[in-house]
């Protein structure tokens, strides 16, 4: 922690009575990982849903389970039954595009970066998952699709164009 001296917009030192205490700042954090937690209505059904697009159950906790984890590669997502966030599937059939609605689903949106968006799309369609935006090349230089969890969480499955 360190103290920053108070200065005006031109860089001149402010008199003590204008901002006597200064501003407290902290050094940059060195985060090692981040794990999202999804509020789900059914842990077992969520494990089965994630398995349909290639994720594996890592662990669960409780009898019956109320908390658990799924993983793919080096990524992990925690699942919590009925708590720690919101959920809710909208009535929208698409998230992007002319008929899309990005605000109807009340769950979490997350980006998942993969090697082949079209292969993930084929797998999702074959498993009957709710694909709410088919693969498209986007103006921000990614190819992406969206798949929606039954509790309204939307996964933006992406790959950078040219990677």
N, C-alpha and C. Protein backbone atom coordinates (compact mmCIF):
# COMPACT_ATOMS: atom_id res chain seq x y z
N UNK A 1 0.85 -1.17 0.00
CA UNK A 1 0.00 0.00 0.00
C UNK A 1 0.90 1.23 0.00
N UNK A 2 0.46 2.27 -0.71
CA UNK A 2 1.20 3.51 -0.72
C UNK A 2 0.23 4.67 -0.85
N UNK A 3 0.68 5.87 -0.49
CA UNK A 3 -0.17 7.06 -0.53
C UNK A 3 0.18 7.87 -1.78
N UNK A 4 -0.86 8.33 -2.48
CA UNK A 4 -0.69 9.18 -3.65
C UNK A 4 -0.99 10.60 -3.22
N UNK A 5 -0.12 11.54 -3.55
CA UNK A 5 -0.36 12.93 -3.21
C UNK A 5 -1.51 13.48 -4.04
N UNK A 6 -2.27 14.40 -3.48
CA UNK A 6 -3.41 14.99 -4.17
C UNK A 6 -2.95 16.11 -5.08
N UNK A 7 -3.36 16.05 -6.37
CA UNK A 7 -3.00 17.07 -7.34
C UNK A 7 -4.25 17.41 -8.15
N UNK A 8 -4.27 18.64 -8.69
CA UNK A 8 -5.39 19.03 -9.54
C UNK A 8 -5.18 18.52 -10.95
N UNK A 9 -6.10 18.87 -11.88
CA UNK A 9 -6.04 18.35 -13.25
C UNK A 9 -4.81 18.84 -14.02
N UNK A 10 -4.16 19.92 -13.55
CA UNK A 10 -2.95 20.41 -14.22
C UNK A 10 -1.68 19.90 -13.55
N UNK A 11 -1.84 19.06 -12.53
CA UNK A 11 -0.70 18.47 -11.87
C UNK A 11 -0.15 19.25 -10.69
N UNK A 12 -0.79 20.37 -10.35
CA UNK A 12 -0.32 21.18 -9.22
C UNK A 12 -0.78 20.57 -7.91
N UNK A 13 0.09 20.66 -6.90
CA UNK A 13 -0.24 20.12 -5.57
C UNK A 13 -1.43 20.87 -4.99
N UNK A 14 -2.41 20.15 -4.46
CA UNK A 14 -3.58 20.76 -3.83
C UNK A 14 -3.23 21.17 -2.40
N UNK A 15 -3.81 22.28 -1.95
CA UNK A 15 -3.62 22.65 -0.54
C UNK A 15 -4.19 21.55 0.36
N UNK A 16 -3.62 21.41 1.54
CA UNK A 16 -4.01 20.35 2.47
C UNK A 16 -5.50 20.37 2.79
N UNK A 17 -6.11 21.54 2.86
CA UNK A 17 -7.52 21.58 3.22
C UNK A 17 -8.44 21.11 2.09
N UNK A 18 -7.95 21.02 0.84
CA UNK A 18 -8.78 20.54 -0.26
C UNK A 18 -8.84 19.03 -0.34
N UNK A 19 -7.82 18.35 0.10
CA UNK A 19 -7.82 16.89 0.05
C UNK A 19 -6.71 16.40 0.96
N UNK A 20 -6.91 16.57 2.24
CA UNK A 20 -5.85 16.36 3.23
C UNK A 20 -5.33 14.93 3.28
N UNK A 21 -6.19 13.94 3.14
CA UNK A 21 -5.77 12.56 3.36
C UNK A 21 -5.07 11.93 2.17
N UNK A 22 -5.23 12.44 0.98
CA UNK A 22 -4.65 11.79 -0.19
C UNK A 22 -5.48 10.58 -0.58
N UNK A 23 -4.96 9.78 -1.48
CA UNK A 23 -5.66 8.60 -1.97
C UNK A 23 -4.83 7.38 -1.63
N UNK A 24 -5.46 6.36 -1.10
CA UNK A 24 -4.75 5.12 -0.80
C UNK A 24 -4.86 4.20 -2.02
N UNK A 25 -3.73 3.67 -2.49
CA UNK A 25 -3.71 2.75 -3.62
C UNK A 25 -3.02 1.46 -3.19
N UNK A 26 -3.33 0.40 -3.86
CA UNK A 26 -2.73 -0.89 -3.57
C UNK A 26 -1.92 -1.34 -4.77
N UNK A 27 -0.89 -2.11 -4.52
CA UNK A 27 -0.08 -2.64 -5.62
C UNK A 27 -0.92 -3.59 -6.46
N UNK A 28 -0.53 -3.79 -7.69
CA UNK A 28 -1.27 -4.66 -8.61
C UNK A 28 -1.36 -6.08 -8.06
N UNK A 29 -2.53 -6.67 -8.18
CA UNK A 29 -2.75 -8.05 -7.77
C UNK A 29 -2.11 -8.99 -8.77
N UNK A 30 -1.64 -10.12 -8.30
CA UNK A 30 -1.08 -11.15 -9.17
C UNK A 30 -1.98 -12.38 -9.06
N UNK A 31 -3.16 -12.32 -9.72
CA UNK A 31 -4.11 -13.43 -9.66
C UNK A 31 -3.56 -14.65 -10.38
N UNK A 32 -3.82 -15.83 -9.86
CA UNK A 32 -3.32 -17.08 -10.45
C UNK A 32 -4.39 -17.80 -11.27
N UNK A 33 -5.65 -17.60 -10.94
CA UNK A 33 -6.74 -18.24 -11.68
C UNK A 33 -8.04 -17.57 -11.25
N UNK A 34 -9.08 -17.79 -12.05
CA UNK A 34 -10.41 -17.32 -11.69
C UNK A 34 -11.39 -18.44 -12.01
N UNK A 35 -12.29 -18.72 -11.08
CA UNK A 35 -13.25 -19.81 -11.27
C UNK A 35 -14.65 -19.26 -11.12
N UNK A 36 -15.42 -19.23 -12.20
CA UNK A 36 -16.80 -18.77 -12.09
C UNK A 36 -17.64 -19.78 -11.32
N UNK A 37 -18.69 -19.28 -10.67
CA UNK A 37 -19.64 -20.13 -9.96
C UNK A 37 -21.01 -19.90 -10.58
N UNK A 38 -21.61 -20.96 -11.09
CA UNK A 38 -22.93 -20.86 -11.71
C UNK A 38 -24.01 -21.36 -10.76
N UNK A 39 -25.07 -20.59 -10.62
CA UNK A 39 -26.25 -21.01 -9.87
C UNK A 39 -27.03 -21.95 -10.79
N UNK A 40 -27.21 -23.19 -10.37
CA UNK A 40 -27.93 -24.18 -11.16
C UNK A 40 -29.10 -24.75 -10.35
N UNK A 41 -30.12 -25.21 -11.05
CA UNK A 41 -31.29 -25.77 -10.37
C UNK A 41 -31.12 -27.24 -10.04
N UNK A 42 -30.22 -27.93 -10.76
CA UNK A 42 -30.04 -29.37 -10.58
C UNK A 42 -28.58 -29.73 -10.89
N UNK A 43 -27.83 -30.12 -9.85
CA UNK A 43 -26.41 -30.43 -10.02
C UNK A 43 -26.21 -31.62 -10.96
N UNK A 44 -26.93 -32.71 -10.73
CA UNK A 44 -26.75 -33.91 -11.56
C UNK A 44 -27.08 -33.63 -13.02
N UNK A 45 -28.17 -32.91 -13.27
CA UNK A 45 -28.54 -32.57 -14.65
C UNK A 45 -27.49 -31.66 -15.28
N UNK A 46 -26.90 -30.78 -14.49
CA UNK A 46 -25.85 -29.90 -15.02
C UNK A 46 -24.59 -30.68 -15.36
N UNK A 47 -24.22 -31.65 -14.51
CA UNK A 47 -23.08 -32.51 -14.85
C UNK A 47 -23.33 -33.21 -16.19
N UNK A 48 -24.54 -33.73 -16.37
CA UNK A 48 -24.89 -34.43 -17.62
C UNK A 48 -24.87 -33.48 -18.81
N UNK A 49 -25.35 -32.26 -18.62
CA UNK A 49 -25.36 -31.27 -19.70
C UNK A 49 -23.93 -30.94 -20.14
N UNK A 50 -23.06 -30.67 -19.17
CA UNK A 50 -21.67 -30.35 -19.51
C UNK A 50 -20.98 -31.53 -20.19
N UNK A 51 -21.29 -32.75 -19.78
CA UNK A 51 -20.68 -33.94 -20.40
C UNK A 51 -21.05 -34.03 -21.88
N UNK A 52 -22.22 -33.53 -22.27
CA UNK A 52 -22.64 -33.59 -23.66
C UNK A 52 -21.76 -32.74 -24.57
N UNK A 53 -21.11 -31.74 -24.03
CA UNK A 53 -20.19 -30.99 -24.89
C UNK A 53 -18.73 -31.11 -24.45
N UNK A 54 -18.45 -32.26 -23.82
CA UNK A 54 -17.07 -32.66 -23.61
C UNK A 54 -16.41 -32.29 -22.30
N UNK A 55 -17.14 -31.70 -21.38
CA UNK A 55 -16.58 -31.38 -20.07
C UNK A 55 -16.74 -32.61 -19.18
N UNK A 56 -15.92 -32.68 -18.12
CA UNK A 56 -16.01 -33.82 -17.20
C UNK A 56 -16.35 -33.32 -15.80
N UNK A 57 -17.02 -34.16 -15.05
CA UNK A 57 -17.27 -33.88 -13.64
C UNK A 57 -15.95 -34.02 -12.91
N UNK A 58 -15.58 -32.99 -12.13
CA UNK A 58 -14.35 -33.05 -11.34
C UNK A 58 -14.63 -33.56 -9.93
N UNK A 59 -15.66 -33.02 -9.28
CA UNK A 59 -16.01 -33.43 -7.93
C UNK A 59 -17.39 -32.89 -7.57
N UNK A 60 -17.95 -33.43 -6.51
CA UNK A 60 -19.17 -32.85 -5.94
C UNK A 60 -19.06 -32.90 -4.43
N UNK A 61 -19.92 -32.13 -3.75
CA UNK A 61 -19.89 -32.04 -2.30
C UNK A 61 -21.31 -32.04 -1.77
N UNK A 62 -21.52 -32.79 -0.69
CA UNK A 62 -22.81 -32.85 -0.02
C UNK A 62 -23.59 -34.10 -0.36
N UNK A 63 -24.54 -34.44 0.51
CA UNK A 63 -25.41 -35.59 0.30
C UNK A 63 -26.85 -35.14 0.52
N UNK A 64 -27.61 -34.92 -0.52
CA UNK A 64 -27.22 -34.99 -1.93
C UNK A 64 -26.32 -33.80 -2.27
N UNK A 65 -25.59 -33.88 -3.38
CA UNK A 65 -24.67 -32.80 -3.74
C UNK A 65 -25.39 -31.46 -3.95
N UNK A 66 -24.80 -30.41 -3.38
CA UNK A 66 -25.30 -29.05 -3.58
C UNK A 66 -24.23 -28.16 -4.20
N UNK A 67 -23.04 -28.69 -4.37
CA UNK A 67 -21.92 -27.93 -4.94
C UNK A 67 -21.05 -28.90 -5.70
N UNK A 68 -20.44 -28.45 -6.76
CA UNK A 68 -19.58 -29.33 -7.53
C UNK A 68 -18.79 -28.57 -8.56
N UNK A 69 -18.07 -29.32 -9.39
CA UNK A 69 -17.20 -28.71 -10.37
C UNK A 69 -17.16 -29.54 -11.64
N UNK A 70 -17.07 -28.84 -12.78
CA UNK A 70 -16.81 -29.46 -14.08
C UNK A 70 -15.53 -28.85 -14.63
N UNK A 71 -14.84 -29.62 -15.47
CA UNK A 71 -13.59 -29.12 -16.02
C UNK A 71 -13.38 -29.54 -17.45
N UNK A 72 -12.58 -28.75 -18.16
CA UNK A 72 -12.16 -29.03 -19.52
C UNK A 72 -10.78 -28.43 -19.69
N UNK A 73 -9.80 -29.28 -20.03
CA UNK A 73 -8.43 -28.77 -20.13
C UNK A 73 -8.00 -28.20 -18.79
N UNK A 74 -7.53 -26.96 -18.79
CA UNK A 74 -7.11 -26.30 -17.56
C UNK A 74 -8.22 -25.45 -16.94
N UNK A 75 -9.41 -25.48 -17.52
CA UNK A 75 -10.52 -24.64 -17.06
C UNK A 75 -11.45 -25.42 -16.14
N UNK A 76 -12.02 -24.70 -15.17
CA UNK A 76 -12.95 -25.31 -14.22
C UNK A 76 -14.07 -24.32 -13.95
N UNK A 77 -15.28 -24.84 -13.78
CA UNK A 77 -16.45 -24.06 -13.41
C UNK A 77 -17.09 -24.72 -12.20
N UNK A 78 -17.37 -23.93 -11.17
CA UNK A 78 -18.10 -24.43 -10.00
C UNK A 78 -19.60 -24.33 -10.28
N UNK A 79 -20.35 -25.28 -9.74
CA UNK A 79 -21.81 -25.32 -9.85
C UNK A 79 -22.38 -25.31 -8.44
N UNK A 80 -23.34 -24.44 -8.19
CA UNK A 80 -23.95 -24.34 -6.87
C UNK A 80 -25.46 -24.41 -7.02
N UNK A 81 -26.09 -25.36 -6.34
CA UNK A 81 -27.54 -25.52 -6.46
C UNK A 81 -28.27 -24.42 -5.70
N UNK A 82 -28.98 -23.58 -6.46
CA UNK A 82 -29.88 -22.59 -5.88
C UNK A 82 -29.26 -21.41 -5.18
N UNK A 83 -27.98 -21.13 -5.37
CA UNK A 83 -27.35 -20.01 -4.67
C UNK A 83 -26.16 -19.48 -5.46
N UNK A 84 -25.56 -18.45 -4.93
CA UNK A 84 -24.34 -17.83 -5.45
C UNK A 84 -24.50 -17.35 -6.89
N UNK A 85 -25.38 -16.38 -7.07
CA UNK A 85 -25.62 -15.80 -8.38
C UNK A 85 -27.06 -15.99 -8.80
N UNK A 86 -27.31 -15.67 -10.04
CA UNK A 86 -28.68 -15.80 -10.53
C UNK A 86 -28.74 -16.77 -11.70
N UNK A 87 -29.93 -17.09 -12.09
CA UNK A 87 -30.15 -17.95 -13.24
C UNK A 87 -31.52 -17.62 -13.81
N UNK A 88 -31.81 -18.12 -14.97
CA UNK A 88 -33.11 -17.90 -15.57
C UNK A 88 -33.02 -17.87 -17.08
N UNK A 89 -33.67 -18.81 -17.70
CA UNK A 89 -33.67 -18.91 -19.15
C UNK A 89 -34.75 -17.99 -19.72
N UNK A 90 -34.35 -17.14 -20.67
CA UNK A 90 -35.30 -16.25 -21.32
C UNK A 90 -36.13 -17.00 -22.35
N UNK A 91 -37.11 -16.32 -22.91
CA UNK A 91 -37.94 -16.90 -23.95
C UNK A 91 -37.35 -16.69 -25.34
N UNK A 92 -36.22 -15.99 -25.41
CA UNK A 92 -35.58 -15.71 -26.69
C UNK A 92 -35.07 -16.99 -27.33
N UNK A 93 -35.13 -17.05 -28.66
CA UNK A 93 -34.62 -18.20 -29.41
C UNK A 93 -33.19 -17.96 -29.87
N UNK A 94 -32.74 -16.70 -29.84
CA UNK A 94 -31.41 -16.34 -30.32
C UNK A 94 -30.84 -15.24 -29.44
N UNK A 95 -29.52 -15.25 -29.27
CA UNK A 95 -28.86 -14.22 -28.47
C UNK A 95 -28.38 -13.05 -29.31
N UNK A 96 -27.90 -13.31 -30.52
CA UNK A 96 -27.41 -12.27 -31.43
C UNK A 96 -28.21 -12.32 -32.72
N UNK A 97 -28.00 -11.37 -33.58
CA UNK A 97 -28.65 -11.35 -34.88
C UNK A 97 -29.92 -10.50 -34.86
N UNK A 98 -30.60 -10.50 -36.00
CA UNK A 98 -31.78 -9.65 -36.17
C UNK A 98 -32.87 -9.93 -35.13
N UNK A 99 -33.07 -11.18 -34.77
CA UNK A 99 -34.10 -11.55 -33.79
C UNK A 99 -33.51 -11.85 -32.42
N UNK A 100 -32.24 -11.54 -32.22
CA UNK A 100 -31.55 -11.87 -30.97
C UNK A 100 -31.90 -10.94 -29.83
N UNK A 101 -31.74 -11.45 -28.61
CA UNK A 101 -31.96 -10.67 -27.40
C UNK A 101 -30.86 -11.05 -26.41
N UNK A 102 -29.92 -10.13 -26.20
CA UNK A 102 -28.79 -10.38 -25.30
C UNK A 102 -29.16 -10.22 -23.83
N UNK A 103 -30.34 -9.70 -23.52
CA UNK A 103 -30.70 -9.40 -22.13
C UNK A 103 -31.74 -10.33 -21.53
N UNK A 104 -32.34 -11.22 -22.33
CA UNK A 104 -33.44 -12.06 -21.83
C UNK A 104 -32.99 -13.12 -20.84
N UNK A 105 -31.83 -13.72 -21.08
CA UNK A 105 -31.34 -14.75 -20.15
C UNK A 105 -30.78 -14.07 -18.91
N UNK A 106 -31.08 -14.60 -17.75
CA UNK A 106 -30.66 -13.99 -16.48
C UNK A 106 -29.48 -14.72 -15.83
N UNK A 107 -28.90 -15.67 -16.55
CA UNK A 107 -27.72 -16.37 -16.06
C UNK A 107 -26.45 -15.62 -16.42
N UNK A 108 -25.34 -16.28 -16.24
CA UNK A 108 -24.01 -15.73 -16.52
C UNK A 108 -23.65 -15.96 -17.99
N UNK A 109 -22.98 -15.01 -18.60
CA UNK A 109 -22.39 -15.20 -19.92
C UNK A 109 -20.90 -15.40 -19.72
N UNK A 110 -20.34 -16.40 -20.41
CA UNK A 110 -18.90 -16.66 -20.33
C UNK A 110 -18.36 -16.97 -21.71
N UNK A 111 -17.10 -16.61 -21.95
CA UNK A 111 -16.42 -16.97 -23.19
C UNK A 111 -15.58 -18.21 -22.95
N UNK A 112 -15.70 -19.17 -23.85
CA UNK A 112 -14.89 -20.39 -23.81
C UNK A 112 -14.11 -20.42 -25.11
N UNK A 113 -12.79 -20.42 -25.02
CA UNK A 113 -11.92 -20.38 -26.20
C UNK A 113 -11.52 -21.81 -26.56
N UNK A 114 -11.75 -22.16 -27.83
CA UNK A 114 -11.53 -23.53 -28.30
C UNK A 114 -10.70 -23.51 -29.59
N UNK A 115 -10.25 -24.69 -30.00
CA UNK A 115 -9.47 -24.83 -31.24
C UNK A 115 -10.35 -24.81 -32.48
N UNK A 116 -11.60 -25.31 -32.38
CA UNK A 116 -12.46 -25.44 -33.56
C UNK A 116 -13.93 -25.21 -33.18
N UNK A 117 -14.41 -24.00 -33.41
CA UNK A 117 -15.78 -23.63 -33.07
C UNK A 117 -16.79 -24.50 -33.83
N UNK A 118 -16.51 -24.77 -35.10
CA UNK A 118 -17.46 -25.55 -35.91
C UNK A 118 -17.60 -26.99 -35.41
N UNK A 119 -16.51 -27.56 -34.93
CA UNK A 119 -16.58 -28.91 -34.37
C UNK A 119 -17.40 -28.91 -33.08
N UNK A 120 -17.21 -27.90 -32.23
CA UNK A 120 -18.02 -27.81 -31.00
C UNK A 120 -19.48 -27.63 -31.38
N UNK A 121 -19.76 -26.84 -32.39
CA UNK A 121 -21.14 -26.65 -32.85
C UNK A 121 -21.76 -27.98 -33.29
N UNK A 122 -21.02 -28.74 -34.09
CA UNK A 122 -21.53 -30.05 -34.54
C UNK A 122 -21.85 -30.95 -33.34
N UNK A 123 -20.95 -30.96 -32.35
CA UNK A 123 -21.16 -31.78 -31.16
C UNK A 123 -22.39 -31.31 -30.39
N UNK A 124 -22.56 -30.00 -30.23
CA UNK A 124 -23.71 -29.47 -29.50
C UNK A 124 -25.02 -29.82 -30.21
N UNK A 125 -25.05 -29.67 -31.53
CA UNK A 125 -26.25 -30.00 -32.30
C UNK A 125 -26.55 -31.49 -32.19
N UNK A 126 -25.52 -32.33 -32.32
CA UNK A 126 -25.71 -33.79 -32.23
C UNK A 126 -26.24 -34.20 -30.87
N UNK A 127 -25.87 -33.47 -29.82
CA UNK A 127 -26.32 -33.79 -28.45
C UNK A 127 -27.63 -33.11 -28.09
N UNK A 128 -28.19 -32.33 -29.01
CA UNK A 128 -29.46 -31.66 -28.75
C UNK A 128 -29.38 -30.48 -27.81
N UNK A 129 -28.20 -29.87 -27.70
CA UNK A 129 -28.06 -28.70 -26.82
C UNK A 129 -28.68 -27.47 -27.48
N UNK A 130 -29.01 -26.48 -26.67
CA UNK A 130 -29.69 -25.28 -27.12
C UNK A 130 -28.68 -24.28 -27.70
N UNK A 131 -28.42 -24.42 -29.01
CA UNK A 131 -27.53 -23.48 -29.70
C UNK A 131 -28.37 -22.26 -30.06
N UNK A 132 -28.04 -21.11 -29.45
CA UNK A 132 -28.84 -19.91 -29.64
C UNK A 132 -28.19 -18.91 -30.59
N UNK A 133 -27.00 -19.25 -31.11
CA UNK A 133 -26.34 -18.45 -32.13
C UNK A 133 -25.35 -19.37 -32.82
N UNK A 134 -25.58 -19.68 -34.11
CA UNK A 134 -24.69 -20.60 -34.81
C UNK A 134 -23.34 -19.95 -35.10
N UNK A 135 -22.34 -20.72 -35.50
CA UNK A 135 -21.01 -20.15 -35.78
C UNK A 135 -21.07 -19.01 -36.80
N UNK A 136 -20.44 -17.91 -36.46
CA UNK A 136 -20.35 -16.73 -37.32
C UNK A 136 -18.99 -16.08 -37.13
N UNK A 137 -18.47 -15.49 -38.19
CA UNK A 137 -17.29 -14.65 -38.09
C UNK A 137 -17.74 -13.27 -37.64
N UNK A 138 -17.22 -12.82 -36.52
CA UNK A 138 -17.67 -11.57 -35.91
C UNK A 138 -16.73 -10.41 -36.28
N UNK A 139 -17.23 -9.18 -36.24
CA UNK A 139 -16.40 -8.03 -36.60
C UNK A 139 -15.20 -7.82 -35.68
N UNK A 140 -15.21 -8.42 -34.50
CA UNK A 140 -14.08 -8.28 -33.56
C UNK A 140 -13.05 -9.40 -33.76
N UNK A 141 -13.06 -10.01 -34.95
CA UNK A 141 -12.06 -11.00 -35.37
C UNK A 141 -12.09 -12.29 -34.58
N UNK A 142 -13.28 -12.75 -34.26
CA UNK A 142 -13.44 -14.09 -33.69
C UNK A 142 -14.50 -14.82 -34.49
N UNK A 143 -14.39 -16.13 -34.48
CA UNK A 143 -15.49 -16.98 -34.94
C UNK A 143 -16.14 -17.45 -33.65
N UNK A 144 -17.45 -17.29 -33.54
CA UNK A 144 -18.09 -17.67 -32.28
C UNK A 144 -19.49 -18.21 -32.50
N UNK A 145 -19.92 -18.98 -31.53
CA UNK A 145 -21.27 -19.51 -31.45
C UNK A 145 -21.69 -19.40 -29.99
N UNK A 146 -23.00 -19.52 -29.73
CA UNK A 146 -23.50 -19.47 -28.35
C UNK A 146 -24.31 -20.72 -28.07
N UNK A 147 -24.07 -21.31 -26.92
CA UNK A 147 -24.86 -22.45 -26.45
C UNK A 147 -25.38 -22.09 -25.06
N UNK A 148 -26.66 -22.42 -24.80
CA UNK A 148 -27.31 -22.01 -23.56
C UNK A 148 -27.59 -23.20 -22.66
N UNK A 149 -27.17 -23.10 -21.43
CA UNK A 149 -27.45 -24.07 -20.37
C UNK A 149 -28.94 -23.97 -20.02
N UNK A 150 -29.56 -25.05 -19.56
CA UNK A 150 -30.99 -25.00 -19.20
C UNK A 150 -31.36 -23.93 -18.17
N UNK A 151 -30.41 -23.49 -17.35
CA UNK A 151 -30.68 -22.45 -16.36
C UNK A 151 -30.39 -21.05 -16.88
N UNK A 152 -30.16 -20.90 -18.19
CA UNK A 152 -30.00 -19.59 -18.79
C UNK A 152 -28.58 -19.06 -18.86
N UNK A 153 -27.59 -19.85 -18.50
CA UNK A 153 -26.19 -19.43 -18.65
C UNK A 153 -25.80 -19.59 -20.12
N UNK A 154 -25.17 -18.57 -20.68
CA UNK A 154 -24.82 -18.58 -22.10
C UNK A 154 -23.30 -18.66 -22.24
N UNK A 155 -22.86 -19.59 -23.06
CA UNK A 155 -21.43 -19.78 -23.32
C UNK A 155 -21.12 -19.31 -24.73
N UNK A 156 -20.25 -18.32 -24.83
CA UNK A 156 -19.76 -17.83 -26.11
C UNK A 156 -18.55 -18.68 -26.47
N UNK A 157 -18.73 -19.61 -27.36
CA UNK A 157 -17.64 -20.52 -27.76
C UNK A 157 -16.93 -19.84 -28.91
N UNK A 158 -15.63 -19.54 -28.73
CA UNK A 158 -14.92 -18.66 -29.65
C UNK A 158 -13.53 -19.16 -30.01
N UNK A 159 -13.06 -18.63 -31.14
CA UNK A 159 -11.67 -18.81 -31.58
C UNK A 159 -11.32 -17.55 -32.36
N UNK A 160 -10.12 -17.03 -32.12
CA UNK A 160 -9.68 -15.88 -32.87
C UNK A 160 -9.50 -16.22 -34.34
N UNK A 161 -9.94 -15.36 -35.23
CA UNK A 161 -9.76 -15.57 -36.66
C UNK A 161 -8.29 -15.36 -36.98
N UNK A 162 -7.72 -16.32 -37.70
CA UNK A 162 -6.31 -16.23 -38.04
C UNK A 162 -5.40 -16.92 -37.05
N UNK A 163 -5.95 -17.51 -36.01
CA UNK A 163 -5.13 -18.23 -35.02
C UNK A 163 -4.81 -19.61 -35.52
